[in-house]
Amino acid sequence: MTSKTFKHNSIALVAGLMFGAGLAISGMNDTTKVQGFLDLAGDWDITLAFVMMGALAVGLIAFRIVLKRPTPIMNDKFDLPRKTHIDKRLISGALLFGIGWGLIGYCPGPALASISHGYWQTLVFILAMLVGAQISKKLLP
């Protein structure tokens, strides 16, 4: 492993640990909290909205600062999405993601952060997510 690769991996590890810690501190890796946020007709829990607004505020500021640079610090160029239109594939993916998030209460980040809890259901979710990703790679070019 080169020193550049080690540096990139170390930074990715620290960023991932910070993300996981943020999820744990805010309670967003608790599936009942997520499902409570999505339960508008029942016992609605608004705390996830505050976490999302905080993340959005940080992201908006950070993107404005970072994108003023000619290149990223750890890469030769910015790798930004090229597609700007909404199509059937985007809508169907968003619907599938949303339905799964609502039913289970996990999305990929919190699921990975929740491995440390040791619940077998979390491992089943992560395995299903990885299998689904591989199937979609094969079916959708």
Protein backbone atom coordinates (compact mmCIF):
# COMPACT_ATOMS: atom_id res chain seq x y z
CA MET A 1 0.00 0.00 0.00
CA THR A 2 1.39 3.37 -1.00
CA SER A 3 1.52 6.27 1.42
CA LYS A 4 -1.04 8.12 -0.72
CA THR A 5 -3.47 5.18 -0.51
CA PHE A 6 -2.88 4.89 3.23
CA LYS A 7 -3.56 8.61 3.65
CA HIS A 8 -6.79 8.39 1.60
CA ASN A 9 -7.96 5.33 3.53
CA SER A 10 -7.12 6.95 6.87
CA ILE A 11 -9.11 10.06 5.99
CA ALA A 12 -12.03 7.90 4.78
CA LEU A 13 -11.91 5.92 8.04
CA VAL A 14 -11.94 9.08 10.18
CA ALA A 15 -14.80 10.56 8.13
CA GLY A 16 -16.76 7.32 8.46
CA LEU A 17 -16.18 7.17 12.21
CA MET A 18 -17.31 10.80 12.56
CA PHE A 19 -20.43 10.04 10.50
CA GLY A 20 -21.20 6.96 12.59
CA ALA A 21 -20.62 8.86 15.83
CA GLY A 22 -22.94 11.64 14.64
CA LEU A 23 -25.63 9.09 13.83
CA ALA A 24 -25.23 7.44 17.22
CA ILE A 25 -25.21 10.71 19.18
CA SER A 26 -28.31 11.98 17.36
CA GLY A 27 -30.04 8.60 17.75
CA MET A 28 -30.59 8.29 14.01
CA ASN A 29 -29.37 4.70 13.91
CA ASP A 30 -32.41 3.79 16.03
CA THR A 31 -35.00 2.38 13.62
CA THR A 32 -37.91 3.34 15.87
CA LYS A 33 -36.82 6.99 15.78
CA VAL A 34 -36.81 6.96 11.97
CA GLN A 35 -40.17 5.22 11.81
CA GLY A 36 -41.52 7.71 14.35
CA PHE A 37 -40.48 10.55 12.05
CA LEU A 38 -42.29 8.93 9.13
CA ASP A 39 -45.47 8.31 11.20
CA LEU A 40 -47.22 11.62 10.47
CA ALA A 41 -50.65 10.32 11.48
CA GLY A 42 -49.51 8.78 14.76
CA ASP A 43 -46.94 9.69 17.40
CA TRP A 44 -44.81 11.90 15.15
CA ASP A 45 -41.16 12.44 16.19
CA ILE A 46 -39.74 15.61 14.59
CA THR A 47 -36.14 15.16 15.81
CA LEU A 48 -34.96 13.62 12.53
CA ALA A 49 -36.03 16.79 10.72
CA PHE A 50 -33.69 18.83 12.94
CA VAL A 51 -30.80 16.45 12.23
CA MET A 52 -31.52 16.70 8.48
CA MET A 53 -31.69 20.51 8.63
CA GLY A 54 -28.36 20.64 10.48
CA ALA A 55 -26.73 18.35 7.92
CA LEU A 56 -28.19 20.38 5.06
CA ALA A 57 -26.88 23.65 6.52
CA VAL A 58 -23.37 22.22 6.96
CA GLY A 59 -23.46 20.69 3.46
CA LEU A 60 -24.60 23.91 1.77
CA ILE A 61 -21.82 25.92 3.40
CA ALA A 62 -19.15 23.25 2.82
CA PHE A 63 -20.03 22.81 -0.88
CA ARG A 64 -19.82 26.57 -1.48
CA ILE A 65 -16.35 26.67 0.05
CA VAL A 66 -14.98 23.44 -1.45
CA LEU A 67 -16.24 24.01 -5.00
CA LYS A 68 -14.35 27.31 -5.17
CA ARG A 69 -11.12 25.29 -5.26
CA PRO A 70 -9.75 24.34 -8.69
CA THR A 71 -9.44 20.68 -7.62
CA PRO A 72 -10.20 18.62 -4.51
CA ILE A 73 -7.40 18.12 -2.00
CA MET A 74 -7.27 14.33 -2.44
CA ASN A 75 -8.12 13.94 -6.13
CA ASP A 76 -7.33 15.35 -9.57
CA LYS A 77 -10.89 16.51 -10.29
CA PHE A 78 -14.31 16.86 -8.72
CA ASP A 79 -16.56 13.88 -9.36
CA LEU A 80 -19.99 15.51 -9.48
CA PRO A 81 -23.19 14.08 -10.97
CA ARG A 82 -23.54 14.82 -14.68
CA LYS A 83 -27.26 14.06 -14.99
CA THR A 84 -29.52 16.99 -14.26
CA HIS A 85 -32.90 15.65 -15.35
CA ILE A 86 -35.38 13.54 -13.42
CA ASP A 87 -36.18 10.26 -15.15
CA LYS A 88 -38.08 7.03 -14.40
CA ARG A 89 -34.98 5.33 -13.07
CA LEU A 90 -34.35 8.10 -10.53
CA ILE A 91 -37.99 8.16 -9.41
CA SER A 92 -38.23 4.37 -9.11
CA GLY A 93 -34.97 4.22 -7.16
CA ALA A 94 -36.13 6.98 -4.82
CA LEU A 95 -39.46 5.22 -4.27
CA LEU A 96 -37.78 1.89 -3.58
CA PHE A 97 -35.34 3.55 -1.17
CA GLY A 98 -38.13 5.43 0.60
CA ILE A 99 -40.36 2.38 0.95
CA GLY A 100 -37.49 0.33 2.36
CA TRP A 101 -36.46 3.14 4.71
CA GLY A 102 -40.04 3.49 5.95
CA LEU A 103 -40.62 -0.23 6.46
CA ILE A 104 -37.30 -1.09 8.07
CA GLY A 105 -36.08 2.24 9.46
CA TYR A 106 -32.59 1.87 8.01
CA CYS A 107 -30.76 3.39 5.11
CA PRO A 108 -27.17 2.35 4.28
CA GLY A 109 -25.25 4.73 6.58
CA PRO A 110 -27.20 4.10 9.79
CA ALA A 111 -27.32 0.37 9.03
CA LEU A 112 -23.53 0.17 8.83
CA ALA A 113 -23.21 2.33 11.95
CA SER A 114 -25.60 -0.03 13.75
CA ILE A 115 -23.52 -3.17 13.19
CA SER A 116 -21.93 -2.53 16.57
CA HIS A 117 -25.29 -3.22 18.28
CA GLY A 118 -24.96 -6.85 17.20
CA TYR A 119 -28.56 -7.35 16.04
CA TRP A 120 -28.91 -10.16 13.53
CA GLN A 121 -31.65 -8.18 11.73
CA THR A 122 -29.13 -5.44 10.91
CA LEU A 123 -26.77 -7.98 9.37
CA VAL A 124 -29.62 -9.45 7.30
CA PHE A 125 -30.49 -5.94 6.08
CA ILE A 126 -26.88 -5.19 5.11
CA LEU A 127 -26.50 -8.52 3.30
CA ALA A 128 -29.79 -7.93 1.43
CA MET A 129 -28.64 -4.40 0.56
CA LEU A 130 -25.33 -5.71 -0.86
CA VAL A 131 -27.07 -8.48 -2.81
CA GLY A 132 -29.59 -5.96 -4.18
CA ALA A 133 -26.75 -3.66 -5.26
CA GLN A 134 -25.07 -6.50 -7.13
CA ILE A 135 -28.32 -7.54 -8.81
CA SER A 136 -29.02 -3.96 -9.91
CA LYS A 137 -25.48 -3.70 -11.33
CA LYS A 138 -26.12 -6.76 -13.47
CA LEU A 139 -29.65 -5.77 -14.57
CA LEU A 140 -29.09 -2.04 -15.12
CA PRO A 141 -26.12 -1.01 -17.25
